[in-house]
Structures are given as structure tokens and as C-alpha cells.
Amino acid sequence: MTTQTTHGTATATAAKSSGRKAHIALWALQVLMALVFLMASSTKFSGNEQAVEGFEKIGFGSWFMYFIATVELAGAAGLLIPALCGLAATGLTALLAGAVVTQLIVDDPATAVVPATYLVPIAFLAWARRADTARLARRVAGQVRETQ
């Protein structure tokens, strides 16, 4: 009987350790991606010549560049807030998917490699944090019901 209890305790301890390592790895990836989007937004906010040219090719002009920079900055901040990390990753996934499609249609298809490269880890974060997103949606829905 003690062997089973010891074995069960060892298994539970190993599972906790594995879960803790996964949690730390996700947070490390979130911080890294937040830095990526912080850099991307600062490039646009500073009016970098290459960014300006890219948005002119799209045909939306500088207002759209600043809008995207704002979305990237908000997404970067959201990745660092536990309650918002899943939602932020989901929004940034949509943003990057749009960037890939835009690059493929408007620009040289080779330029789509950059947003596609960032799309993979941010989509993984959105998937890994889907429970956080669902929890946030339930909280918001509950608050909406309370106000009605």
C-alpha cells in the first residue's frame, strides 16, 4: 500500500514539475513575443522609412501604419497581463495572418516570410492560453448579464 502511495505521490510531483516548466516556458515565450511586437510598433511609430514605404504600397497611408502600431503595442502589453494574454495572442494571430496575406498579394511574396515566422509562435500562444481566453469571455459575459 505504501508503495502505491509513494508511486502516486512521485507521479503527482513529476506532473506538477512538468506543468510548472511548461508555465515558465509559456511566460518566456510571451515576454519574447511582447518584445518583438514592442520593437515592431516602435519602428512604425518612429516613421521608419521602410515601414512608411510598405504602408504606401498597401495604399492605406500613414494613418493605417499608426493604427497597426497601436494594435501591436496593445497586443504586446496584453501578452504580459495574465487575464489578457490569450486574447492578446489571438488578436495578434489575426493581425499577422492579415500581414501574411497582404504581403503575398501586395508586395514581394518573399516578404511574407517575416510575419509568417512570427505567426507560428503567437498562434501557439493563442492556443496554449485558450482557457484564459474562455475564462475572460465568461467573466465579461457574466458582467454584461449583471448590468442588464
N, C-alpha and C. Protein backbone atom coordinates (compact mmCIF):
# COMPACT_ATOMS: atom_id res chain seq x y z
N MET A 1 0.82 -1.19 0.00
CA MET A 1 0.00 0.00 0.00
C MET A 1 0.86 1.24 0.00
N THR A 2 1.93 1.26 0.82
CA THR A 2 2.81 2.42 0.84
C THR A 2 3.53 2.59 -0.49
N THR A 3 3.82 1.51 -1.17
CA THR A 3 4.46 1.62 -2.46
C THR A 3 3.57 2.36 -3.45
N GLN A 4 2.30 2.02 -3.44
CA GLN A 4 1.37 2.71 -4.34
C GLN A 4 1.27 4.19 -3.99
N THR A 5 1.20 4.51 -2.72
CA THR A 5 1.10 5.90 -2.29
C THR A 5 2.35 6.65 -2.68
N THR A 6 3.52 6.05 -2.45
CA THR A 6 4.77 6.69 -2.82
C THR A 6 4.85 6.87 -4.33
N HIS A 7 4.46 5.85 -5.07
CA HIS A 7 4.49 5.94 -6.53
C HIS A 7 3.52 7.01 -7.01
N GLY A 8 2.32 7.04 -6.42
CA GLY A 8 1.32 8.04 -6.79
C GLY A 8 1.80 9.44 -6.47
N THR A 9 2.46 9.61 -5.32
CA THR A 9 2.99 10.91 -4.93
C THR A 9 4.11 11.33 -5.87
N ALA A 10 4.96 10.40 -6.26
CA ALA A 10 6.05 10.71 -7.19
C ALA A 10 5.50 11.12 -8.55
N THR A 11 4.47 10.43 -9.00
CA THR A 11 3.85 10.77 -10.28
C THR A 11 3.22 12.16 -10.22
N ALA A 12 2.53 12.46 -9.13
CA ALA A 12 1.89 13.79 -8.97
C ALA A 12 2.96 14.88 -8.90
N THR A 13 4.06 14.61 -8.22
CA THR A 13 5.14 15.58 -8.12
C THR A 13 5.77 15.83 -9.49
N ALA A 14 5.97 14.76 -10.26
CA ALA A 14 6.54 14.91 -11.60
C ALA A 14 5.60 15.70 -12.51
N ALA A 15 4.30 15.45 -12.38
CA ALA A 15 3.32 16.17 -13.19
C ALA A 15 3.31 17.65 -12.82
N LYS A 16 3.40 17.96 -11.52
CA LYS A 16 3.46 19.35 -11.08
C LYS A 16 4.69 20.04 -11.63
N SER A 17 5.82 19.34 -11.57
CA SER A 17 7.08 19.89 -12.06
C SER A 17 7.01 20.16 -13.56
N SER A 18 6.43 19.21 -14.29
CA SER A 18 6.27 19.36 -15.73
C SER A 18 5.35 20.53 -16.06
N GLY A 19 4.25 20.66 -15.32
CA GLY A 19 3.31 21.77 -15.52
C GLY A 19 3.95 23.10 -15.21
N ARG A 20 4.77 23.14 -14.19
CA ARG A 20 5.47 24.38 -13.81
C ARG A 20 6.46 24.77 -14.90
N LYS A 21 7.18 23.81 -15.43
CA LYS A 21 8.14 24.10 -16.51
C LYS A 21 7.42 24.61 -17.75
N ALA A 22 6.29 24.02 -18.08
CA ALA A 22 5.51 24.48 -19.24
C ALA A 22 5.01 25.90 -19.01
N HIS A 23 4.56 26.19 -17.80
CA HIS A 23 4.08 27.53 -17.46
C HIS A 23 5.20 28.56 -17.62
N ILE A 24 6.37 28.23 -17.13
CA ILE A 24 7.53 29.13 -17.24
C ILE A 24 7.91 29.31 -18.71
N ALA A 25 7.90 28.24 -19.49
CA ALA A 25 8.25 28.33 -20.91
C ALA A 25 7.24 29.20 -21.66
N LEU A 26 5.95 29.07 -21.34
CA LEU A 26 4.94 29.92 -21.99
C LEU A 26 5.16 31.38 -21.64
N TRP A 27 5.46 31.66 -20.38
CA TRP A 27 5.71 33.04 -19.99
C TRP A 27 6.96 33.59 -20.67
N ALA A 28 7.98 32.77 -20.80
CA ALA A 28 9.20 33.22 -21.50
C ALA A 28 8.87 33.56 -22.96
N LEU A 29 8.06 32.72 -23.60
CA LEU A 29 7.66 32.98 -24.99
C LEU A 29 6.79 34.24 -25.07
N GLN A 30 5.90 34.43 -24.10
CA GLN A 30 5.06 35.64 -24.09
C GLN A 30 5.91 36.90 -23.97
N VAL A 31 6.90 36.87 -23.09
CA VAL A 31 7.77 38.04 -22.91
C VAL A 31 8.56 38.29 -24.19
N LEU A 32 9.10 37.24 -24.79
CA LEU A 32 9.84 37.38 -26.04
C LEU A 32 8.97 37.97 -27.13
N MET A 33 7.75 37.46 -27.28
CA MET A 33 6.85 37.97 -28.32
C MET A 33 6.40 39.40 -27.99
N ALA A 34 6.24 39.72 -26.73
CA ALA A 34 5.90 41.10 -26.36
C ALA A 34 7.02 42.04 -26.79
N LEU A 35 8.26 41.62 -26.61
CA LEU A 35 9.40 42.44 -27.05
C LEU A 35 9.41 42.60 -28.57
N VAL A 36 9.10 41.52 -29.28
CA VAL A 36 9.04 41.58 -30.75
C VAL A 36 8.01 42.60 -31.20
N PHE A 37 6.82 42.56 -30.60
CA PHE A 37 5.76 43.49 -31.01
C PHE A 37 6.02 44.91 -30.51
N LEU A 38 6.73 45.04 -29.41
CA LEU A 38 7.14 46.38 -28.96
C LEU A 38 8.11 47.00 -29.96
N MET A 39 9.07 46.21 -30.43
CA MET A 39 10.01 46.69 -31.44
C MET A 39 9.29 47.01 -32.74
N ALA A 40 8.38 46.15 -33.17
CA ALA A 40 7.65 46.37 -34.41
C ALA A 40 6.83 47.65 -34.34
N SER A 41 6.17 47.88 -33.21
CA SER A 41 5.36 49.10 -33.08
C SER A 41 6.24 50.34 -33.02
N SER A 42 7.39 50.25 -32.35
CA SER A 42 8.26 51.42 -32.27
C SER A 42 8.83 51.80 -33.63
N THR A 43 9.06 50.80 -34.49
CA THR A 43 9.52 51.08 -35.85
C THR A 43 8.48 51.88 -36.61
N LYS A 44 7.24 51.50 -36.44
CA LYS A 44 6.15 52.21 -37.14
C LYS A 44 5.90 53.58 -36.52
N PHE A 45 5.88 53.66 -35.19
CA PHE A 45 5.65 54.94 -34.52
C PHE A 45 6.73 55.96 -34.85
N SER A 46 7.96 55.48 -35.06
CA SER A 46 9.07 56.40 -35.36
C SER A 46 9.06 56.84 -36.82
N GLY A 47 8.16 56.28 -37.63
CA GLY A 47 8.08 56.68 -39.03
C GLY A 47 9.23 56.15 -39.86
N ASN A 48 9.72 54.98 -39.49
CA ASN A 48 10.81 54.35 -40.23
C ASN A 48 10.49 54.34 -41.73
N GLU A 49 11.48 54.73 -42.53
CA GLU A 49 11.29 54.87 -43.98
C GLU A 49 10.76 53.59 -44.63
N GLN A 50 11.31 52.47 -44.24
CA GLN A 50 10.89 51.19 -44.82
C GLN A 50 9.43 50.89 -44.45
N ALA A 51 9.04 51.19 -43.22
CA ALA A 51 7.66 50.97 -42.80
C ALA A 51 6.71 51.88 -43.57
N VAL A 52 7.09 53.14 -43.71
CA VAL A 52 6.26 54.10 -44.45
C VAL A 52 6.07 53.63 -45.89
N GLU A 53 7.15 53.20 -46.53
CA GLU A 53 7.06 52.71 -47.92
C GLU A 53 6.15 51.49 -48.02
N GLY A 54 6.27 50.60 -47.05
CA GLY A 54 5.43 49.40 -47.06
C GLY A 54 3.95 49.73 -46.97
N PHE A 55 3.60 50.65 -46.12
CA PHE A 55 2.19 51.02 -45.98
C PHE A 55 1.70 51.85 -47.16
N GLU A 56 2.59 52.57 -47.80
CA GLU A 56 2.20 53.28 -49.02
C GLU A 56 1.89 52.29 -50.14
N LYS A 57 2.66 51.20 -50.21
CA LYS A 57 2.40 50.15 -51.21
C LYS A 57 1.02 49.55 -51.01
N ILE A 58 0.64 49.39 -49.76
CA ILE A 58 -0.67 48.81 -49.45
C ILE A 58 -1.77 49.75 -49.92
N GLY A 59 -1.50 51.04 -49.83
CA GLY A 59 -2.47 52.02 -50.29
C GLY A 59 -3.29 52.66 -49.18
N PHE A 60 -2.96 52.40 -47.92
CA PHE A 60 -3.72 52.98 -46.82
C PHE A 60 -3.05 54.21 -46.22
N GLY A 61 -1.77 54.37 -46.45
CA GLY A 61 -1.08 55.55 -45.95
C GLY A 61 -0.66 55.44 -44.50
N SER A 62 -0.20 56.57 -43.98
CA SER A 62 0.41 56.57 -42.64
C SER A 62 -0.60 56.36 -41.51
N TRP A 63 -1.86 56.76 -41.70
CA TRP A 63 -2.83 56.57 -40.63
C TRP A 63 -2.96 55.08 -40.28
N PHE A 64 -2.90 54.23 -41.30
CA PHE A 64 -3.03 52.79 -41.08
C PHE A 64 -1.77 52.25 -40.40
N MET A 65 -0.62 52.79 -40.74
CA MET A 65 0.63 52.38 -40.10
C MET A 65 0.56 52.67 -38.60
N TYR A 66 0.05 53.85 -38.22
CA TYR A 66 -0.06 54.20 -36.81
C TYR A 66 -1.13 53.36 -36.11
N PHE A 67 -2.18 53.03 -36.82
CA PHE A 67 -3.22 52.16 -36.26
C PHE A 67 -2.63 50.78 -35.96
N ILE A 68 -1.89 50.21 -36.92
CA ILE A 68 -1.27 48.90 -36.72
C ILE A 68 -0.25 48.95 -35.59
N ALA A 69 0.51 50.04 -35.52
CA ALA A 69 1.49 50.21 -34.43
C ALA A 69 0.78 50.21 -33.08
N THR A 70 -0.38 50.86 -33.01
CA THR A 70 -1.15 50.90 -31.77
C THR A 70 -1.66 49.51 -31.40
N VAL A 71 -2.15 48.77 -32.39
CA VAL A 71 -2.62 47.41 -32.15
C VAL A 71 -1.46 46.53 -31.67
N GLU A 72 -0.30 46.66 -32.29
CA GLU A 72 0.88 45.88 -31.87
C GLU A 72 1.30 46.22 -30.45
N LEU A 73 1.28 47.50 -30.11
CA LEU A 73 1.65 47.93 -28.76
C LEU A 73 0.65 47.40 -27.73
N ALA A 74 -0.64 47.50 -28.04
CA ALA A 74 -1.66 46.97 -27.14
C ALA A 74 -1.52 45.45 -26.99
N GLY A 75 -1.23 44.77 -28.09
CA GLY A 75 -1.02 43.33 -28.04
C GLY A 75 0.19 42.96 -27.19
N ALA A 76 1.26 43.72 -27.33
CA ALA A 76 2.47 43.46 -26.54
C ALA A 76 2.16 43.61 -25.05
N ALA A 77 1.42 44.66 -24.70
CA ALA A 77 1.04 44.87 -23.29
C ALA A 77 0.13 43.74 -22.83
N GLY A 78 -0.84 43.36 -23.66
CA GLY A 78 -1.77 42.30 -23.30
C GLY A 78 -1.09 40.96 -23.06
N LEU A 79 -0.02 40.69 -23.78
CA LEU A 79 0.70 39.43 -23.58
C LEU A 79 1.31 39.34 -22.18
N LEU A 80 1.51 40.47 -21.53
CA LEU A 80 2.13 40.50 -20.21
C LEU A 80 1.12 40.55 -19.06
N ILE A 81 -0.16 40.62 -19.40
CA ILE A 81 -1.22 40.66 -18.38
C ILE A 81 -1.91 39.29 -18.37
N PRO A 82 -1.80 38.55 -17.28
CA PRO A 82 -2.31 37.18 -17.26
C PRO A 82 -3.75 37.03 -17.75
N ALA A 83 -4.64 37.90 -17.36
CA ALA A 83 -6.05 37.76 -17.77
C ALA A 83 -6.25 38.04 -19.26
N LEU A 84 -5.33 38.78 -19.87
CA LEU A 84 -5.49 39.18 -21.26
C LEU A 84 -4.57 38.46 -22.24
N CYS A 85 -3.65 37.65 -21.73
CA CYS A 85 -2.62 37.07 -22.61
C CYS A 85 -3.21 36.23 -23.74
N GLY A 86 -4.23 35.44 -23.48
CA GLY A 86 -4.83 34.61 -24.53
C GLY A 86 -5.53 35.45 -25.57
N LEU A 87 -6.27 36.46 -25.11
CA LEU A 87 -6.97 37.36 -26.04
C LEU A 87 -5.97 38.15 -26.88
N ALA A 88 -4.90 38.64 -26.25
CA ALA A 88 -3.88 39.39 -26.98
C ALA A 88 -3.21 38.50 -28.04
N ALA A 89 -2.88 37.28 -27.67
CA ALA A 89 -2.26 36.36 -28.63
C ALA A 89 -3.20 36.05 -29.78
N THR A 90 -4.50 35.92 -29.49
CA THR A 90 -5.48 35.66 -30.55
C THR A 90 -5.56 36.85 -31.50
N GLY A 91 -5.62 38.05 -30.95
CA GLY A 91 -5.66 39.25 -31.78
C GLY A 91 -4.41 39.41 -32.62
N LEU A 92 -3.25 39.15 -32.03
CA LEU A 92 -2.00 39.27 -32.78
C LEU A 92 -1.89 38.18 -33.85
N THR A 93 -2.49 37.02 -33.60
CA THR A 93 -2.53 35.97 -34.62
C THR A 93 -3.30 36.46 -35.84
N ALA A 94 -4.44 37.09 -35.59
CA ALA A 94 -5.24 37.63 -36.70
C ALA A 94 -4.48 38.73 -37.44
N LEU A 95 -3.81 39.58 -36.68
CA LEU A 95 -3.02 40.66 -37.29
C LEU A 95 -1.92 40.09 -38.20
N LEU A 96 -1.21 39.10 -37.71
CA LEU A 96 -0.13 38.50 -38.50
C LEU A 96 -0.66 37.74 -39.71
N ALA A 97 -1.79 37.08 -39.55
CA ALA A 97 -2.38 36.39 -40.70
C ALA A 97 -2.72 37.40 -41.78
N GLY A 98 -3.27 38.54 -41.38
CA GLY A 98 -3.56 39.61 -42.32
C GLY A 98 -2.29 40.15 -42.97
N ALA A 99 -1.23 40.26 -42.20
CA ALA A 99 0.05 40.74 -42.73
C ALA A 99 0.61 39.77 -43.77
N VAL A 100 0.50 38.48 -43.50
CA VAL A 100 0.99 37.48 -44.45
C VAL A 100 0.22 37.58 -45.76
N VAL A 101 -1.10 37.63 -45.67
CA VAL A 101 -1.93 37.72 -46.88
C VAL A 101 -1.62 39.01 -47.64
N THR A 102 -1.50 40.12 -46.91
CA THR A 102 -1.20 41.41 -47.55
C THR A 102 0.14 41.36 -48.27
N GLN A 103 1.14 40.81 -47.62
CA GLN A 103 2.48 40.71 -48.24
C GLN A 103 2.43 39.84 -49.49
N LEU A 104 1.67 38.76 -49.43
CA LEU A 104 1.58 37.87 -50.59
C LEU A 104 0.89 38.54 -51.77
N ILE A 105 -0.13 39.37 -51.49
CA ILE A 105 -0.90 40.00 -52.55
C ILE A 105 -0.27 41.28 -53.06
N VAL A 106 0.18 42.13 -52.14
CA VAL A 106 0.62 43.49 -52.49
C VAL A 106 2.12 43.59 -52.76
N ASP A 107 2.90 42.86 -52.02
CA ASP A 107 4.35 43.01 -52.08
C ASP A 107 4.98 41.74 -52.64
N ASP A 108 6.27 41.68 -52.58
CA ASP A 108 7.03 40.50 -52.98
C ASP A 108 6.68 39.36 -52.02
N PRO A 109 6.23 38.21 -52.53
CA PRO A 109 5.86 37.09 -51.64
C PRO A 109 6.95 36.69 -50.65
N ALA A 110 8.21 36.94 -50.99
CA ALA A 110 9.30 36.60 -50.07
C ALA A 110 9.21 37.40 -48.78
N THR A 111 8.60 38.60 -48.82
CA THR A 111 8.49 39.40 -47.61
C THR A 111 7.47 38.83 -46.63
N ALA A 112 6.64 37.91 -47.07
CA ALA A 112 5.65 37.28 -46.18
C ALA A 112 6.31 36.34 -45.18
N VAL A 113 7.57 36.02 -45.40
CA VAL A 113 8.27 35.09 -44.50
C VAL A 113 8.37 35.67 -43.09
N VAL A 114 8.59 36.97 -42.98
CA VAL A 114 8.77 37.58 -41.65
C VAL A 114 7.49 37.46 -40.81
N PRO A 115 6.34 37.96 -41.28
CA PRO A 115 5.15 37.79 -40.44
C PRO A 115 4.76 36.32 -40.27
N ALA A 116 5.02 35.50 -41.26
CA ALA A 116 4.70 34.07 -41.14
C ALA A 116 5.55 33.41 -40.04
N THR A 117 6.79 33.86 -39.91
CA THR A 117 7.68 33.32 -38.88
C THR A 117 7.16 33.65 -37.49
N TYR A 118 6.66 34.87 -37.31
CA TYR A 118 6.11 35.26 -36.01
C TYR A 118 4.71 34.70 -35.78
N LEU A 119 4.03 34.36 -36.85
CA LEU A 119 2.68 33.81 -36.74
C LEU A 119 2.68 32.47 -36.00
N VAL A 120 3.68 31.67 -36.23
CA VAL A 120 3.73 30.33 -35.62
C VAL A 120 3.77 30.41 -34.08
N PRO A 121 4.73 31.13 -33.48
CA PRO A 121 4.74 31.14 -32.00
C PRO A 121 3.56 31.88 -31.39
N ILE A 122 3.07 32.95 -32.05
CA ILE A 122 1.95 33.69 -31.46
C ILE A 122 0.67 32.86 -31.57
N ALA A 123 0.50 32.11 -32.64
CA ALA A 123 -0.67 31.21 -32.75
C ALA A 123 -0.58 30.10 -31.71
N PHE A 124 0.62 29.61 -31.46
CA PHE A 124 0.81 28.61 -30.41
C PHE A 124 0.41 29.18 -29.06
N LEU A 125 0.81 30.43 -28.77
CA LEU A 125 0.43 31.07 -27.51
C LEU A 125 -1.09 31.22 -27.41
N ALA A 126 -1.73 31.62 -28.51
CA ALA A 126 -3.19 31.76 -28.50
C ALA A 126 -3.83 30.42 -28.16
N TRP A 127 -3.32 29.35 -28.75
CA TRP A 127 -3.85 28.01 -28.48
C TRP A 127 -3.56 27.60 -27.03
N ALA A 128 -2.33 27.82 -26.58
CA ALA A 128 -1.95 27.40 -25.23
C ALA A 128 -2.71 28.18 -24.15
N ARG A 129 -3.10 29.39 -24.44
CA ARG A 129 -3.80 30.24 -23.47
C ARG A 129 -5.31 30.30 -23.75
N ARG A 130 -5.82 29.35 -24.51
CA ARG A 130 -7.25 29.38 -24.87
C ARG A 130 -8.14 29.29 -23.64
N ALA A 131 -7.71 28.60 -22.59
CA ALA A 131 -8.52 28.52 -21.36
C ALA A 131 -8.61 29.89 -20.71
N ASP A 132 -7.53 30.66 -20.75
CA ASP A 132 -7.56 32.02 -20.21
C ASP A 132 -8.54 32.89 -20.99
N THR A 133 -8.55 32.73 -22.31
CA THR A 133 -9.46 33.50 -23.16
C THR A 133 -10.91 33.12 -22.86
N ALA A 134 -11.18 31.83 -22.71
CA ALA A 134 -12.53 31.37 -22.39
C ALA A 134 -12.97 31.89 -21.01
N ARG A 135 -12.06 31.87 -20.06
CA ARG A 135 -12.37 32.37 -18.71
C ARG A 135 -12.69 33.86 -18.75
N LEU A 136 -11.93 34.63 -19.53
CA LEU A 136 -12.19 36.05 -19.68
C LEU A 136 -13.55 36.29 -20.34
N ALA A 137 -13.85 35.51 -21.37
CA ALA A 137 -15.15 35.65 -22.05
C ALA A 137 -16.30 35.36 -21.09
N ARG A 138 -16.15 34.34 -20.24
CA ARG A 138 -17.20 34.03 -19.26
C ARG A 138 -17.37 35.15 -18.25
N ARG A 139 -16.25 35.72 -17.80
CA ARG A 139 -16.32 36.83 -16.84
C ARG A 139 -17.01 38.04 -17.46
N VAL A 140 -16.64 38.38 -18.68
CA VAL A 140 -17.26 39.52 -19.36
C VAL A 140 -18.74 39.26 -19.58
N ALA A 141 -19.09 38.06 -20.04
CA ALA A 141 -20.49 37.72 -20.26
C ALA A 141 -21.28 37.79 -18.96
N GLY A 142 -20.69 37.35 -17.87
CA GLY A 142 -21.35 37.42 -16.56
C GLY A 142 -21.59 38.85 -16.13
N GLN A 143 -20.63 39.71 -16.37
CA GLN A 143 -20.79 41.12 -16.01
C GLN A 143 -21.84 41.80 -16.87
N VAL A 144 -21.91 41.43 -18.14
CA VAL A 144 -22.92 42.00 -19.03
C VAL A 144 -24.30 41.62 -18.55
N ARG A 145 -24.47 40.34 -18.16
CA ARG A 145 -25.77 39.87 -17.66
C ARG A 145 -26.18 40.60 -16.37
N GLU A 146 -25.18 40.88 -15.51
CA GLU A 146 -25.47 41.57 -14.26
C GLU A 146 -25.95 43.00 -14.50
N THR A 147 -25.48 43.65 -15.54
CA THR A 147 -25.85 45.04 -15.80
C THR A 147 -27.19 45.15 -16.52
N GLN A 148 -27.71 44.05 -17.01
CA GLN A 148 -28.98 44.11 -17.76
C GLN A 148 -30.18 43.95 -16.87
